[in-house]
N, C-alpha and C. Protein backbone atom coordinates (compact mmCIF):
# COMPACT_ATOMS: atom_id res chain seq x y z
N MET A 1 76.35 94.37 150.17
CA MET A 1 77.54 94.07 149.36
C MET A 1 77.39 94.41 147.92
N SER A 2 78.35 95.15 147.47
CA SER A 2 78.23 95.57 146.03
C SER A 2 78.97 94.52 145.14
N GLN A 3 78.45 94.37 144.07
CA GLN A 3 79.04 93.53 143.08
C GLN A 3 80.08 94.30 142.12
N PHE A 4 81.21 93.90 142.16
CA PHE A 4 82.13 94.43 141.17
C PHE A 4 82.27 93.51 139.98
N ARG A 5 82.17 94.19 138.80
CA ARG A 5 82.26 93.57 137.72
C ARG A 5 83.54 93.60 136.97
N ARG A 6 84.06 92.58 136.59
CA ARG A 6 85.39 92.75 135.91
C ARG A 6 85.08 93.14 134.52
N PRO A 7 85.82 94.08 134.01
CA PRO A 7 85.56 94.69 132.62
C PRO A 7 85.79 93.42 131.56
N ALA A 8 84.95 93.36 130.66
CA ALA A 8 85.11 92.40 129.60
C ALA A 8 86.39 92.64 128.82
N ALA A 9 86.97 91.66 128.31
CA ALA A 9 88.17 91.85 127.39
C ALA A 9 87.72 92.79 126.26
N GLN A 10 88.60 93.76 126.01
CA GLN A 10 88.29 94.68 124.96
C GLN A 10 88.66 93.98 123.58
N ARG A 11 87.77 94.21 122.62
CA ARG A 11 87.96 93.80 121.23
C ARG A 11 87.96 94.95 120.36
N GLY A 12 88.65 94.74 119.33
CA GLY A 12 88.85 95.84 118.37
C GLY A 12 90.17 96.08 117.77
N ALA A 13 90.33 97.08 117.03
CA ALA A 13 91.74 97.30 116.43
C ALA A 13 92.49 98.30 117.39
N SER A 14 93.79 97.78 117.56
CA SER A 14 94.60 98.78 118.30
C SER A 14 95.15 99.88 117.39
N LEU A 15 95.83 100.77 118.04
CA LEU A 15 96.39 101.88 117.28
C LEU A 15 97.43 101.32 116.42
N PHE A 16 98.35 100.41 116.84
CA PHE A 16 99.36 99.74 116.01
C PHE A 16 98.71 98.93 114.86
N GLY A 17 97.57 98.32 115.12
CA GLY A 17 96.99 97.45 114.11
C GLY A 17 96.38 98.50 113.01
N MET A 18 95.79 99.61 113.48
CA MET A 18 95.22 100.60 112.39
C MET A 18 96.37 101.26 111.66
N LEU A 19 97.53 101.60 112.40
CA LEU A 19 98.61 102.19 111.62
C LEU A 19 99.13 101.04 110.61
N PHE A 20 99.37 99.87 110.97
CA PHE A 20 99.77 98.86 110.00
C PHE A 20 98.86 98.74 108.87
N LEU A 21 97.51 98.80 109.02
CA LEU A 21 96.53 98.55 107.94
C LEU A 21 96.56 99.83 107.01
N ALA A 22 96.75 100.97 107.70
CA ALA A 22 96.90 102.20 106.83
C ALA A 22 98.21 102.26 106.02
N ILE A 23 99.26 101.62 106.44
CA ILE A 23 100.53 101.69 105.69
C ILE A 23 100.32 100.65 104.54
N VAL A 24 99.71 99.46 104.83
CA VAL A 24 99.51 98.50 103.68
C VAL A 24 98.55 99.11 102.64
N VAL A 25 97.51 99.63 102.99
CA VAL A 25 96.46 100.19 102.02
C VAL A 25 97.19 101.31 101.18
N ALA A 26 98.00 102.12 101.88
CA ALA A 26 98.73 103.19 101.19
C ALA A 26 99.74 102.62 100.22
N PHE A 27 100.46 101.58 100.51
CA PHE A 27 101.29 100.86 99.60
C PHE A 27 100.63 100.37 98.46
N VAL A 28 99.53 99.68 98.74
CA VAL A 28 98.75 99.10 97.59
C VAL A 28 98.21 100.26 96.65
N LEU A 29 97.76 101.30 97.17
CA LEU A 29 97.24 102.40 96.34
C LEU A 29 98.53 102.97 95.54
N LEU A 30 99.69 103.14 96.19
CA LEU A 30 100.77 103.70 95.51
C LEU A 30 101.22 102.77 94.22
N MET A 31 101.09 101.39 94.48
CA MET A 31 101.48 100.42 93.44
C MET A 31 100.42 100.62 92.36
N ALA A 32 99.25 100.77 92.58
CA ALA A 32 98.19 100.83 91.67
C ALA A 32 98.36 102.06 90.82
N VAL A 33 98.60 103.22 91.49
CA VAL A 33 98.79 104.57 90.69
C VAL A 33 100.09 104.46 89.80
N ARG A 34 101.05 103.75 90.38
CA ARG A 34 102.29 103.83 89.44
C ARG A 34 102.17 102.69 88.32
N VAL A 35 101.45 101.70 88.54
CA VAL A 35 101.40 100.60 87.53
C VAL A 35 100.30 100.85 86.46
N PHE A 36 99.20 101.65 86.85
CA PHE A 36 97.98 101.82 85.98
C PHE A 36 98.42 102.32 84.62
N PRO A 37 99.29 103.44 84.45
CA PRO A 37 99.58 103.80 83.12
C PRO A 37 100.29 102.78 82.18
N SER A 38 101.06 102.04 82.85
CA SER A 38 101.66 100.93 82.02
C SER A 38 100.74 99.98 81.65
N VAL A 39 99.77 99.47 82.42
CA VAL A 39 98.75 98.46 81.91
C VAL A 39 97.94 99.12 80.99
N ASN A 40 97.60 100.33 81.20
CA ASN A 40 96.79 101.01 80.02
C ASN A 40 97.46 101.03 78.72
N GLU A 41 98.71 101.39 78.78
CA GLU A 41 99.48 101.37 77.53
C GLU A 41 99.46 99.99 76.90
N TYR A 42 99.70 98.96 77.76
CA TYR A 42 99.67 97.52 77.16
C TYR A 42 98.31 97.22 76.62
N LEU A 43 97.17 97.49 77.17
CA LEU A 43 95.98 97.18 76.73
C LEU A 43 95.78 97.89 75.43
N THR A 44 96.14 99.07 75.28
CA THR A 44 96.04 99.99 74.06
C THR A 44 96.82 99.23 72.86
N ILE A 45 98.01 98.87 73.19
CA ILE A 45 98.83 98.20 72.23
C ILE A 45 98.20 96.94 71.67
N ARG A 46 97.77 96.00 72.75
CA ARG A 46 97.17 94.83 72.36
C ARG A 46 95.78 95.06 71.46
N LYS A 47 95.06 96.00 71.88
CA LYS A 47 93.87 96.31 71.03
C LYS A 47 94.24 96.76 69.67
N THR A 48 95.22 97.56 69.54
CA THR A 48 95.59 98.15 68.26
C THR A 48 96.24 97.07 67.36
N ILE A 49 96.97 96.18 67.90
CA ILE A 49 97.47 95.08 67.05
C ILE A 49 96.46 94.14 66.67
N ALA A 50 95.40 93.82 67.46
CA ALA A 50 94.28 92.97 67.17
C ALA A 50 93.48 93.56 66.01
N GLU A 51 93.22 94.97 66.09
CA GLU A 51 92.45 95.55 65.02
C GLU A 51 93.24 95.56 63.70
N ILE A 52 94.39 95.88 63.80
CA ILE A 52 95.26 95.87 62.54
C ILE A 52 95.19 94.39 61.85
N MET A 53 95.46 93.37 62.73
CA MET A 53 95.45 92.06 62.15
C MET A 53 94.13 91.55 61.72
N ARG A 54 93.03 92.08 62.28
CA ARG A 54 91.59 91.71 61.98
C ARG A 54 91.35 92.25 60.53
N LYS A 55 91.99 93.32 60.13
CA LYS A 55 91.79 93.91 58.80
C LYS A 55 92.53 93.20 57.73
N GLY A 56 93.31 92.22 58.14
CA GLY A 56 94.02 91.45 57.16
C GLY A 56 95.01 92.08 56.32
N PRO A 57 96.11 92.63 56.92
CA PRO A 57 97.23 93.30 56.06
C PRO A 57 97.88 92.24 55.21
N GLY A 58 98.33 92.71 54.13
CA GLY A 58 98.92 91.83 53.14
C GLY A 58 100.34 91.54 53.38
N SER A 59 101.16 92.45 54.06
CA SER A 59 102.55 92.21 54.24
C SER A 59 102.96 92.83 55.57
N PRO A 60 104.14 92.39 56.06
CA PRO A 60 104.64 92.95 57.29
C PRO A 60 104.83 94.47 57.24
N SER A 61 105.15 95.09 56.23
CA SER A 61 105.28 96.55 56.01
C SER A 61 103.92 97.17 56.24
N ASP A 62 102.87 96.51 55.74
CA ASP A 62 101.54 97.02 55.97
C ASP A 62 101.22 97.19 57.53
N VAL A 63 101.47 96.05 58.19
CA VAL A 63 101.37 96.04 59.61
C VAL A 63 102.09 97.13 60.35
N ARG A 64 103.41 97.26 59.96
CA ARG A 64 104.27 98.37 60.64
C ARG A 64 103.73 99.78 60.34
N SER A 65 103.33 100.03 59.04
CA SER A 65 102.89 101.24 58.81
C SER A 65 101.45 101.57 59.42
N ALA A 66 100.68 100.68 59.51
CA ALA A 66 99.41 100.82 60.18
C ALA A 66 99.60 101.15 61.72
N PHE A 67 100.53 100.45 62.27
CA PHE A 67 100.92 100.70 63.79
C PHE A 67 101.56 102.02 63.83
N ALA A 68 102.37 102.42 62.93
CA ALA A 68 103.01 103.80 63.03
C ALA A 68 101.92 104.86 62.92
N LYS A 69 100.92 104.71 62.06
CA LYS A 69 99.78 105.62 62.03
C LYS A 69 99.03 105.74 63.31
N THR A 70 98.77 104.52 63.94
CA THR A 70 98.15 104.52 65.23
C THR A 70 98.93 105.20 66.29
N ILE A 71 100.14 105.10 66.33
CA ILE A 71 100.99 105.79 67.30
C ILE A 71 100.90 107.24 67.22
N GLU A 72 100.76 107.83 65.87
CA GLU A 72 100.67 109.23 65.71
C GLU A 72 99.44 109.73 66.37
N ILE A 73 98.34 108.93 66.31
CA ILE A 73 97.05 109.37 66.88
C ILE A 73 97.03 108.93 68.34
N GLU A 74 97.26 107.87 68.76
CA GLU A 74 97.24 107.35 70.11
C GLU A 74 98.50 107.73 70.90
N TYR A 75 98.36 108.74 71.67
CA TYR A 75 99.56 109.23 72.53
C TYR A 75 100.00 108.36 73.59
N SER A 76 99.03 107.41 74.11
CA SER A 76 99.43 106.55 75.18
C SER A 76 100.63 105.56 74.82
N ILE A 77 100.78 105.17 73.55
CA ILE A 77 101.77 104.31 73.21
C ILE A 77 103.00 105.00 72.99
N LYS A 78 103.92 104.79 73.99
CA LYS A 78 105.38 105.36 73.94
C LYS A 78 106.50 104.30 74.03
N THR A 79 106.16 103.18 74.51
CA THR A 79 107.20 102.15 74.94
C THR A 79 107.70 101.40 73.63
N ILE A 80 106.91 101.19 72.71
CA ILE A 80 107.35 100.35 71.71
C ILE A 80 107.05 101.19 70.18
N GLY A 81 107.64 100.76 69.25
CA GLY A 81 107.37 101.39 67.89
C GLY A 81 107.24 100.21 66.85
N PRO A 82 106.87 100.61 65.61
CA PRO A 82 106.76 99.64 64.59
C PRO A 82 107.93 98.57 64.39
N GLN A 83 109.19 99.15 64.63
CA GLN A 83 110.34 98.27 64.41
C GLN A 83 110.37 97.20 65.51
N ASP A 84 109.67 97.37 66.63
CA ASP A 84 109.72 96.32 67.70
C ASP A 84 108.68 95.14 67.54
N LEU A 85 107.87 95.32 66.40
CA LEU A 85 106.89 94.16 66.17
C LEU A 85 107.66 93.10 65.49
N VAL A 86 107.40 91.83 65.98
CA VAL A 86 107.93 90.62 65.29
C VAL A 86 106.72 90.06 64.38
N ILE A 87 106.94 90.16 63.07
CA ILE A 87 105.83 89.68 62.31
C ILE A 87 106.31 88.43 61.42
N LYS A 88 105.52 87.34 61.57
CA LYS A 88 105.94 86.14 60.95
C LYS A 88 104.80 85.53 60.13
N PRO A 89 105.02 84.83 59.02
CA PRO A 89 104.01 84.19 58.20
C PRO A 89 103.45 83.05 59.15
N ALA A 90 102.11 82.78 59.07
CA ALA A 90 101.43 81.79 59.90
C ALA A 90 100.32 81.34 59.07
N GLY A 91 100.43 80.18 58.45
CA GLY A 91 99.44 79.62 57.51
C GLY A 91 99.20 80.41 56.41
N ASP A 92 97.97 80.82 56.13
CA ASP A 92 97.70 81.75 55.00
C ASP A 92 97.65 83.14 55.38
N GLY A 93 98.08 83.56 56.59
CA GLY A 93 98.20 84.95 56.92
C GLY A 93 99.48 85.28 57.73
N LEU A 94 99.29 86.20 58.52
CA LEU A 94 100.51 86.73 59.32
C LEU A 94 100.17 86.71 60.84
N ARG A 95 101.21 86.64 61.64
CA ARG A 95 101.12 86.65 63.11
C ARG A 95 102.11 87.70 63.58
N THR A 96 101.54 88.70 64.46
CA THR A 96 102.30 89.78 65.04
C THR A 96 102.53 89.57 66.33
N GLU A 97 103.81 89.47 66.79
CA GLU A 97 103.99 89.43 68.34
C GLU A 97 104.76 90.67 68.80
N PHE A 98 104.60 90.97 70.09
CA PHE A 98 105.38 92.10 70.69
C PHE A 98 105.72 91.67 72.08
N ALA A 99 106.76 92.12 72.59
CA ALA A 99 107.23 91.87 73.88
C ALA A 99 108.14 93.03 74.34
N TYR A 100 107.90 93.49 75.65
CA TYR A 100 108.69 94.59 76.19
C TYR A 100 108.68 94.62 77.69
N ASN A 101 109.71 95.29 78.29
CA ASN A 101 109.74 95.37 79.79
C ASN A 101 109.51 96.95 80.15
N VAL A 102 108.93 97.06 81.27
CA VAL A 102 108.80 98.39 81.77
C VAL A 102 109.33 98.44 83.25
N GLU A 103 110.21 99.33 83.55
CA GLU A 103 110.64 99.58 84.85
C GLU A 103 109.81 100.68 85.48
N ILE A 104 109.10 100.38 86.67
CA ILE A 104 108.36 101.34 87.22
C ILE A 104 108.97 101.71 88.68
N PRO A 105 109.37 103.08 88.66
CA PRO A 105 110.03 103.44 90.03
C PRO A 105 109.03 103.41 91.26
N ILE A 106 109.26 102.73 92.25
CA ILE A 106 108.46 102.75 93.40
C ILE A 106 108.89 103.79 94.38
N VAL A 107 110.05 103.48 95.02
CA VAL A 107 110.79 104.33 95.98
C VAL A 107 112.22 104.22 95.80
N GLU A 108 112.84 105.33 95.27
CA GLU A 108 114.23 105.23 94.83
C GLU A 108 115.07 104.43 95.91
N PRO A 109 115.83 103.44 95.58
CA PRO A 109 116.32 102.91 94.45
C PRO A 109 115.51 101.68 94.07
N VAL A 110 114.27 101.59 94.44
CA VAL A 110 113.52 100.43 94.22
C VAL A 110 112.67 100.49 93.00
N PHE A 111 112.69 99.52 92.13
CA PHE A 111 111.85 99.53 90.85
C PHE A 111 111.06 98.19 90.71
N LEU A 112 109.98 98.30 90.06
CA LEU A 112 109.18 97.12 89.81
C LEU A 112 109.26 96.91 88.21
N LEU A 113 109.59 95.67 87.94
CA LEU A 113 109.88 95.25 86.47
C LEU A 113 108.71 94.50 86.07
N VAL A 114 108.07 94.97 85.09
CA VAL A 114 106.93 94.41 84.56
C VAL A 114 107.18 93.90 83.20
N LYS A 115 106.95 92.78 82.86
CA LYS A 115 107.22 92.21 81.49
C LYS A 115 105.81 92.01 80.68
N TYR A 116 105.66 92.63 79.54
CA TYR A 116 104.50 92.54 78.70
C TYR A 116 104.70 91.67 77.60
N ALA A 117 103.77 90.94 77.04
CA ALA A 117 103.88 90.32 75.66
C ALA A 117 102.47 90.11 75.23
N GLY A 118 102.43 89.98 73.86
CA GLY A 118 101.25 89.73 73.31
C GLY A 118 101.18 89.41 71.83
N SER A 119 100.17 88.94 71.17
CA SER A 119 100.21 88.64 69.84
C SER A 119 98.84 88.56 69.21
N ALA A 120 98.87 88.69 68.03
CA ALA A 120 97.61 88.58 67.18
C ALA A 120 97.96 88.20 65.79
N SER A 121 96.81 87.58 65.27
CA SER A 121 96.98 86.86 63.86
C SER A 121 95.96 87.32 62.89
N THR A 122 96.28 87.33 61.71
CA THR A 122 95.24 87.66 60.69
C THR A 122 94.15 86.57 60.72
N PRO A 123 92.87 86.78 60.18
CA PRO A 123 92.01 85.71 60.04
C PRO A 123 92.41 84.38 59.44
N GLY A 124 93.32 84.49 58.51
CA GLY A 124 93.68 83.29 57.77
C GLY A 124 94.89 82.63 58.19
N ALA A 125 95.47 83.11 59.51
CA ALA A 125 96.70 82.56 59.99
C ALA A 125 96.51 81.14 60.68
N GLY A 126 95.24 80.76 60.96
CA GLY A 126 95.08 79.54 61.63
C GLY A 126 95.02 78.36 60.62
N ARG A 127 94.82 78.68 59.34
CA ARG A 127 94.74 77.52 58.44
C ARG A 127 96.12 77.20 57.90
N THR A 128 96.35 75.84 57.78
CA THR A 128 97.65 75.41 57.25
C THR A 128 97.48 75.05 55.78
N PRO A 129 98.44 75.23 54.92
CA PRO A 129 98.29 74.98 53.51
C PRO A 129 98.28 73.45 53.17
């Protein structure tokens, strides 16, 4: 008498599971490729404003002119300009704030809206008179 073995239940990914995983990974990669330039620009703007404020500009016009000079050199900054900076007195110094929105096309007519904001202060801005 021969023994017949029942095949063990198969385990592993099905074709449908692999296809679904491939679609999810492709979508995540698409999002990363579309969003990366925007994030890179934001990080450049934030770094630029922090460097300008660390040098201790004397007036709002000094901040704007330094930012304008940086834009001429740094080509990745395209979304905002010197006129978009909000510069306020803070303590013995200045505080510069910026905020802007970026619409990133995903697949027409779907867009991803990303809101960016940041600020930096001069070294003396934390002290109150």
